[in-house]
PDB file of all heavy atoms in Angstrom:
ATOM      1  N   ASP A   1      44.182 -32.698  65.468  1.00  0.00           N
ATOM      2  CA  ASP A   1      43.740 -31.437  66.083  1.00  0.00           C
ATOM      3  C   ASP A   1      42.718 -31.678  67.190  1.00  0.00           C
ATOM      4  O   ASP A   1      42.658 -30.918  68.166  1.00  0.00           O
ATOM      5  CB  ASP A   1      43.126 -30.511  65.033  1.00  0.00           C
ATOM      6  CG  ASP A   1      44.169 -29.839  64.154  1.00  0.00           C
ATOM      7  OD1 ASP A   1      45.369 -29.911  64.477  1.00  0.00           O
ATOM      8  OD2 ASP A   1      43.776 -29.243  63.124  1.00  0.00           O
ATOM      9  N   ARG A   2      41.901 -32.711  67.029  1.00  0.00           N
ATOM     10  CA  ARG A   2      40.883 -32.957  68.057  1.00  0.00           C
ATOM     11  C   ARG A   2      41.252 -34.097  69.015  1.00  0.00           C
ATOM     12  O   ARG A   2      40.406 -34.614  69.726  1.00  0.00           O
ATOM     13  CB  ARG A   2      39.514 -33.191  67.416  1.00  0.00           C
ATOM     14  CG  ARG A   2      39.354 -34.431  66.589  1.00  0.00           C
ATOM     15  CD  ARG A   2      37.902 -34.534  66.108  1.00  0.00           C
ATOM     16  NE  ARG A   2      37.604 -35.802  65.484  1.00  0.00           N
ATOM     17  CZ  ARG A   2      37.271 -36.916  66.140  1.00  0.00           C
ATOM     18  NH1 ARG A   2      37.224 -36.918  67.459  1.00  0.00           N
ATOM     19  NH2 ARG A   2      36.994 -38.032  65.481  1.00  0.00           N
ATOM     20  N   GLY A   3      42.538 -34.435  69.027  1.00  0.00           N
ATOM     21  CA  GLY A   3      43.037 -35.356  70.041  1.00  0.00           C
ATOM     22  C   GLY A   3      42.950 -36.827  69.707  1.00  0.00           C
ATOM     23  O   GLY A   3      43.173 -37.677  70.585  1.00  0.00           O
ATOM     24  N   VAL A   4      42.645 -37.159  68.457  1.00  0.00           N
ATOM     25  CA  VAL A   4      42.614 -38.562  68.041  1.00  0.00           C
ATOM     26  C   VAL A   4      44.034 -39.123  68.046  1.00  0.00           C
ATOM     27  O   VAL A   4      44.977 -38.465  67.604  1.00  0.00           O
ATOM     28  CB  VAL A   4      41.986 -38.694  66.638  1.00  0.00           C
ATOM     29  CG1 VAL A   4      42.072 -40.128  66.128  1.00  0.00           C
ATOM     30  CG2 VAL A   4      40.542 -38.210  66.662  1.00  0.00           C
ATOM     31  N   GLU A   5      44.205 -40.342  68.557  1.00  0.00           N
ATOM     32  CA  GLU A   5      45.504 -41.011  68.543  1.00  0.00           C
ATOM     33  C   GLU A   5      45.694 -41.674  67.175  1.00  0.00           C
ATOM     34  O   GLU A   5      44.895 -42.525  66.786  1.00  0.00           O
ATOM     35  CB  GLU A   5      45.577 -42.068  69.649  1.00  0.00           C
ATOM     36  CG  GLU A   5      45.436 -41.514  71.049  1.00  0.00           C
ATOM     37  CD  GLU A   5      45.399 -42.605  72.101  1.00  0.00           C
ATOM     38  OE1 GLU A   5      45.911 -43.720  71.818  1.00  0.00           O
ATOM     39  OE2 GLU A   5      44.850 -42.361  73.185  1.00  0.00           O
ATOM     40  N   VAL A   6      46.750 -41.290  66.477  1.00  0.00           N
ATOM     41  CA  VAL A   6      46.998 -41.806  65.128  1.00  0.00           C
ATOM     42  C   VAL A   6      48.327 -42.549  65.100  1.00  0.00           C
ATOM     43  O   VAL A   6      49.338 -42.053  65.609  1.00  0.00           O
ATOM     44  CB  VAL A   6      47.017 -40.665  64.088  1.00  0.00           C
ATOM     45  CG1 VAL A   6      47.273 -41.233  62.684  1.00  0.00           C
ATOM     46  CG2 VAL A   6      45.706 -39.887  64.112  1.00  0.00           C
ATOM     47  N   THR A   7      48.308 -43.729  64.504  1.00  0.00           N
ATOM     48  CA  THR A   7      49.514 -44.537  64.310  1.00  0.00           C
ATOM     49  C   THR A   7      49.722 -44.755  62.819  1.00  0.00           C
ATOM     50  O   THR A   7      48.770 -45.074  62.100  1.00  0.00           O
ATOM     51  CB  THR A   7      49.390 -45.903  65.012  1.00  0.00           C
ATOM     52  OG1 THR A   7      49.245 -45.700  66.421  1.00  0.00           O
ATOM     53  CG2 THR A   7      50.622 -46.774  64.755  1.00  0.00           C
ATOM     54  N   TYR A   8      50.957 -44.580  62.363  1.00  0.00           N
ATOM     55  CA  TYR A   8      51.323 -44.921  60.989  1.00  0.00           C
ATOM     56  C   TYR A   8      52.034 -46.274  60.998  1.00  0.00           C
ATOM     57  O   TYR A   8      52.979 -46.481  61.773  1.00  0.00           O
ATOM     58  CB  TYR A   8      52.293 -43.895  60.406  1.00  0.00           C
ATOM     59  CG  TYR A   8      51.694 -42.595  59.931  1.00  0.00           C
ATOM     60  CD1 TYR A   8      50.328 -42.329  60.018  1.00  0.00           C
ATOM     61  CD2 TYR A   8      52.513 -41.618  59.372  1.00  0.00           C
ATOM     62  CE1 TYR A   8      49.807 -41.127  59.571  1.00  0.00           C
ATOM     63  CE2 TYR A   8      51.999 -40.410  58.927  1.00  0.00           C
ATOM     64  CZ  TYR A   8      50.651 -40.167  59.029  1.00  0.00           C
ATOM     65  OH  TYR A   8      50.142 -38.978  58.583  1.00  0.00           O
ATOM     66  N   LEU A   9      51.589 -47.178  60.131  1.00  0.00           N
ATOM     67  CA  LEU A   9      52.269 -48.454  59.917  1.00  0.00           C
ATOM     68  C   LEU A   9      52.701 -48.519  58.467  1.00  0.00           C
ATOM     69  O   LEU A   9      51.866 -48.548  57.556  1.00  0.00           O
ATOM     70  CB  LEU A   9      51.343 -49.625  60.241  1.00  0.00           C
ATOM     71  CG  LEU A   9      51.931 -51.016  59.983  1.00  0.00           C
ATOM     72  CD1 LEU A   9      53.142 -51.275  60.888  1.00  0.00           C
ATOM     73  CD2 LEU A   9      50.883 -52.109  60.172  1.00  0.00           C
ATOM     74  N   LEU A  10      54.027 -48.537  58.240  1.00  0.00           N
ATOM     75  CA  LEU A  10      54.577 -48.599  56.889  1.00  0.00           C
ATOM     76  C   LEU A  10      55.121 -49.996  56.630  1.00  0.00           C
ATOM     77  O   LEU A  10      55.959 -50.505  57.389  1.00  0.00           O
ATOM     78  CB  LEU A  10      55.689 -47.561  56.718  1.00  0.00           C
ATOM     79  CG  LEU A  10      55.189 -46.112  56.585  1.00  0.00           C
ATOM     80  CD1 LEU A  10      55.004 -45.488  57.958  1.00  0.00           C
ATOM     81  CD2 LEU A  10      56.144 -45.300  55.754  1.00  0.00           C
ATOM     82  N   VAL A  11      54.641 -50.600  55.557  1.00  0.00           N
ATOM     83  CA  VAL A  11      55.047 -51.977  55.270  1.00  0.00           C
ATOM     84  C   VAL A  11      56.478 -52.033  54.761  1.00  0.00           C
ATOM     85  O   VAL A  11      57.238 -52.931  55.107  1.00  0.00           O
ATOM     86  CB  VAL A  11      54.056 -52.612  54.279  1.00  0.00           C
ATOM     87  CG1 VAL A  11      54.566 -53.972  53.784  1.00  0.00           C
ATOM     88  CG2 VAL A  11      52.689 -52.763  54.945  1.00  0.00           C
ATOM     89  N   THR A  12      56.898 -51.064  53.934  1.00  0.00           N
ATOM     90  CA  THR A  12      58.284 -51.027  53.452  1.00  0.00           C
ATOM     91  C   THR A  12      58.957 -49.739  53.914  1.00  0.00           C
ATOM     92  O   THR A  12      58.303 -48.817  54.394  1.00  0.00           O
ATOM     93  CB  THR A  12      58.376 -51.092  51.910  1.00  0.00           C
ATOM     94  OG1 THR A  12      58.150 -49.787  51.358  1.00  0.00           O
ATOM     95  CG2 THR A  12      57.371 -52.076  51.331  1.00  0.00           C
ATOM     96  N   ASP A  13      60.260 -49.680  53.733  1.00  0.00           N
ATOM     97  CA  ASP A  13      61.026 -48.466  54.023  1.00  0.00           C
ATOM     98  C   ASP A  13      61.240 -47.617  52.778  1.00  0.00           C
ATOM     99  O   ASP A  13      61.967 -46.622  52.816  1.00  0.00           O
ATOM    100  CB  ASP A  13      62.401 -48.831  54.598  1.00  0.00           C
ATOM    101  CG  ASP A  13      62.298 -49.556  55.931  1.00  0.00           C
ATOM    102  OD1 ASP A  13      61.349 -49.283  56.685  1.00  0.00           O
ATOM    103  OD2 ASP A  13      63.179 -50.386  56.219  1.00  0.00           O
ATOM    104  N   GLY A  14      60.651 -48.028  51.657  1.00  0.00           N
ATOM    105  CA  GLY A  14      60.802 -47.249  50.432  1.00  0.00           C
ATOM    106  C   GLY A  14      62.199 -47.279  49.857  1.00  0.00           C
ATOM    107  O   GLY A  14      62.626 -46.336  49.187  1.00  0.00           O
ATOM    108  N   ASP A  15      62.909 -48.388  50.050  1.00  0.00           N
ATOM    109  CA  ASP A  15      64.318 -48.436  49.648  1.00  0.00           C
ATOM    110  C   ASP A  15      64.508 -48.484  48.130  1.00  0.00           C
ATOM    111  O   ASP A  15      65.619 -48.271  47.638  1.00  0.00           O
ATOM    112  CB  ASP A  15      65.009 -49.653  50.287  1.00  0.00           C
ATOM    113  CG  ASP A  15      64.305 -50.959  49.986  1.00  0.00           C
ATOM    114  OD1 ASP A  15      63.277 -51.228  50.635  1.00  0.00           O
ATOM    115  OD2 ASP A  15      64.779 -51.702  49.111  1.00  0.00           O
ATOM    116  N   ALA A  16      63.430 -48.718  47.374  1.00  0.00           N
ATOM    117  CA  ALA A  16      63.548 -48.719  45.911  1.00  0.00           C
ATOM    118  C   ALA A  16      63.061 -47.416  45.298  1.00  0.00           C
ATOM    119  O   ALA A  16      62.924 -47.315  44.086  1.00  0.00           O
ATOM    120  CB  ALA A  16      62.758 -49.896  45.315  1.00  0.00           C
ATOM    121  N   GLY A  17      62.816 -46.405  46.125  1.00  0.00           N
ATOM    122  CA  GLY A  17      62.294 -45.148  45.621  1.00  0.00           C
ATOM    123  C   GLY A  17      63.353 -44.065  45.585  1.00  0.00           C
ATOM    124  O   GLY A  17      64.485 -44.248  46.042  1.00  0.00           O
ATOM    125  N   GLY A  18      62.979 -42.932  45.031  1.00  0.00           N
ATOM    126  CA  GLY A  18      63.874 -41.773  45.036  1.00  0.00           C
ATOM    127  C   GLY A  18      64.706 -41.655  43.789  1.00  0.00           C
ATOM    128  O   GLY A  18      64.840 -42.585  42.996  1.00  0.00           O
ATOM    129  N   ASN A  19      65.299 -40.492  43.638  1.00  0.00           N
ATOM    130  CA  ASN A  19      66.117 -40.197  42.465  1.00  0.00           C
ATOM    131  C   ASN A  19      67.600 -40.056  42.802  1.00  0.00           C
ATOM    132  O   ASN A  19      68.407 -39.739  41.940  1.00  0.00           O
ATOM    133  CB  ASN A  19      65.622 -38.902  41.820  1.00  0.00           C
ATOM    134  CG  ASN A  19      64.241 -39.072  41.213  1.00  0.00           C
ATOM    135  OD1 ASN A  19      64.108 -39.538  40.094  1.00  0.00           O
ATOM    136  ND2 ASN A  19      63.208 -38.701  41.961  1.00  0.00           N
ATOM    137  N   GLU A  20      67.941 -40.278  44.058  1.00  0.00           N
ATOM    138  CA  GLU A  20      69.327 -40.157  44.509  1.00  0.00           C
ATOM    139  C   GLU A  20      70.019 -41.508  44.334  1.00  0.00           C
ATOM    140  O   GLU A  20      69.893 -42.403  45.160  1.00  0.00           O
ATOM    141  CB  GLU A  20      69.359 -39.716  45.976  1.00  0.00           C
ATOM    142  CG  GLU A  20      70.751 -39.633  46.572  1.00  0.00           C
ATOM    143  CD  GLU A  20      71.711 -38.816  45.741  1.00  0.00           C
ATOM    144  OE1 GLU A  20      71.616 -37.587  45.787  1.00  0.00           O
ATOM    145  OE2 GLU A  20      72.532 -39.433  45.038  1.00  0.00           O
ATOM    146  N   ARG A  21      70.732 -41.672  43.228  1.00  0.00           N
ATOM    147  CA  ARG A  21      71.308 -42.981  42.906  1.00  0.00           C
ATOM    148  C   ARG A  21      72.682 -43.189  43.516  1.00  0.00           C
ATOM    149  O   ARG A  21      73.320 -44.213  43.271  1.00  0.00           O
ATOM    150  CB  ARG A  21      71.398 -43.172  41.385  1.00  0.00           C
ATOM    151  CG  ARG A  21      70.125 -43.024  40.609  1.00  0.00           C
ATOM    152  CD  ARG A  21      68.852 -43.525  41.274  1.00  0.00           C
ATOM    153  NE  ARG A  21      68.919 -44.868  41.813  1.00  0.00           N
ATOM    154  CZ  ARG A  21      68.038 -45.341  42.695  1.00  0.00           C
ATOM    155  NH1 ARG A  21      67.076 -44.565  43.158  1.00  0.00           N
ATOM    156  NH2 ARG A  21      68.142 -46.563  43.132  1.00  0.00           N
ATOM    157  N   THR A  22      73.177 -42.226  44.320  1.00  0.00           N
ATOM    158  CA  THR A  22      74.463 -42.434  44.983  1.00  0.00           C
ATOM    159  C   THR A  22      74.299 -43.267  46.240  1.00  0.00           C
ATOM    160  O   THR A  22      75.291 -43.704  46.830  1.00  0.00           O
ATOM    161  CB  THR A  22      75.118 -41.088  45.353  1.00  0.00           C
ATOM    162  OG1 THR A  22      74.291 -40.400  46.290  1.00  0.00           O
ATOM    163  CG2 THR A  22      75.310 -40.239  44.108  1.00  0.00           C
ATOM    164  N   LEU A  23      73.060 -43.488  46.671  1.00  0.00           N
ATOM    165  CA  LEU A  23      72.799 -44.273  47.866  1.00  0.00           C
ATOM    166  C   LEU A  23      72.471 -45.711  47.500  1.00  0.00           C
ATOM    167  O   LEU A  23      71.766 -45.961  46.522  1.00  0.00           O
ATOM    168  CB  LEU A  23      71.625 -43.684  48.655  1.00  0.00           C
ATOM    169  CG  LEU A  23      71.806 -42.285  49.246  1.00  0.00           C
ATOM    170  CD1 LEU A  23      70.486 -41.811  49.853  1.00  0.00           C
ATOM    171  CD2 LEU A  23      72.902 -42.290  50.300  1.00  0.00           C
ATOM    172  N   ASP A  24      72.982 -46.679  48.296  1.00  0.00           N
ATOM    173  CA  ASP A  24      72.542 -48.052  48.102  1.00  0.00           C
ATOM    174  C   ASP A  24      71.180 -48.197  48.770  1.00  0.00           C
ATOM    175  O   ASP A  24      70.628 -47.262  49.349  1.00  0.00           O
ATOM    176  CB  ASP A  24      73.560 -49.053  48.643  1.00  0.00           C
ATOM    177  CG  ASP A  24      73.799 -48.918  50.153  1.00  0.00           C
ATOM    178  OD1 ASP A  24      72.991 -48.258  50.842  1.00  0.00           O
ATOM    179  OD2 ASP A  24      74.792 -49.484  50.634  1.00  0.00           O
ATOM    180  N   ASN A  25      70.599 -49.408  48.691  1.00  0.00           N
ATOM    181  CA  ASN A  25      69.249 -49.585  49.212  1.00  0.00           C
ATOM    182  C   ASN A  25      69.145 -49.296  50.697  1.00  0.00           C
ATOM    183  O   ASN A  25      68.164 -48.715  51.154  1.00  0.00           O
ATOM    184  CB  ASN A  25      68.768 -51.015  48.910  1.00  0.00           C
ATOM    185  CG  ASN A  25      68.435 -51.206  47.449  1.00  0.00           C
ATOM    186  OD1 ASN A  25      69.309 -51.140  46.600  1.00  0.00           O
ATOM    187  ND2 ASN A  25      67.169 -51.424  47.139  1.00  0.00           N
ATOM    188  N   SER A  26      70.150 -49.702  51.471  1.00  0.00           N
ATOM    189  CA  SER A  26      70.084 -49.464  52.910  1.00  0.00           C
ATOM    190  C   SER A  26      70.161 -47.977  53.217  1.00  0.00           C
ATOM    191  O   SER A  26      69.473 -47.470  54.113  1.00  0.00           O
ATOM    192  CB  SER A  26      71.198 -50.224  53.634  1.00  0.00           C
ATOM    193  OG  SER A  26      72.481 -49.782  53.197  1.00  0.00           O
ATOM    194  N   GLY A  27      70.960 -47.249  52.459  1.00  0.00           N
ATOM    195  CA  GLY A  27      71.049 -45.806  52.652  1.00  0.00           C
ATOM    196  C   GLY A  27      69.759 -45.103  52.305  1.00  0.00           C
ATOM    197  O   GLY A  27      69.333 -44.177  53.003  1.00  0.00           O
ATOM    198  N   MET A  28      69.118 -45.533  51.223  1.00  0.00           N
ATOM    199  CA  MET A  28      67.840 -44.943  50.841  1.00  0.00           C
ATOM    200  C   MET A  28      66.769 -45.266  51.875  1.00  0.00           C
ATOM    201  O   MET A  28      65.951 -44.409  52.226  1.00  0.00           O
ATOM    202  CB  MET A  28      67.420 -45.448  49.459  1.00  0.00           C
ATOM    203  CG  MET A  28      66.070 -44.895  48.986  1.00  0.00           C
ATOM    204  SD  MET A  28      65.982 -43.091  48.953  1.00  0.00           S
ATOM    205  CE  MET A  28      67.083 -42.742  47.576  1.00  0.00           C
ATOM    206  N   ALA A  29      66.764 -46.488  52.390  1.00  0.00           N
ATOM    207  CA  ALA A  29      65.775 -46.860  53.399  1.00  0.00           C
ATOM    208  C   ALA A  29      65.915 -45.996  54.647  1.00  0.00           C
ATOM    209  O   ALA A  29      64.913 -45.493  55.180  1.00  0.00           O
ATOM    210  CB  ALA A  29      65.930 -48.340  53.770  1.00  0.00           C
ATOM    211  N   GLU A  30      67.127 -45.790  55.093  1.00  0.00           N
ATOM    212  CA  GLU A  30      67.349 -44.964  56.274  1.00  0.00           C
ATOM    213  C   GLU A  30      66.900 -43.528  56.031  1.00  0.00           C
ATOM    214  O   GLU A  30      66.256 -42.898  56.894  1.00  0.00           O
ATOM    215  CB  GLU A  30      68.824 -44.988  56.662  1.00  0.00           C
ATOM    216  CG  GLU A  30      69.135 -44.173  57.915  1.00  0.00           C
ATOM    217  CD  GLU A  30      70.606 -44.235  58.300  1.00  0.00           C
ATOM    218  OE1 GLU A  30      71.386 -44.909  57.606  1.00  0.00           O
ATOM    219  OE2 GLU A  30      70.957 -43.599  59.307  1.00  0.00           O
ATOM    220  N   LEU A  31      67.224 -42.995  54.847  1.00  0.00           N
ATOM    221  CA  LEU A  31      66.829 -41.638  54.508  1.00  0.00           C
ATOM    222  C   LEU A  31      65.309 -41.499  54.490  1.00  0.00           C
ATOM    223  O   LEU A  31      64.746 -40.545  55.038  1.00  0.00           O
ATOM    224  CB  LEU A  31      67.402 -41.258  53.140  1.00  0.00           C
ATOM    225  CG  LEU A  31      66.957 -39.906  52.555  1.00  0.00           C
ATOM    226  CD1 LEU A  31      67.347 -38.763  53.476  1.00  0.00           C
ATOM    227  CD2 LEU A  31      67.552 -39.713  51.163  1.00  0.00           C
TER     228      LEU A  31
END
């Protein structure tokens, strides 16, 4: 809100998370 430049750095894509088991790891990572 006050104009600070913010960067997000994510170490993983979270491919082992979620409850949607119809997706393989690459599909979950993309999602």
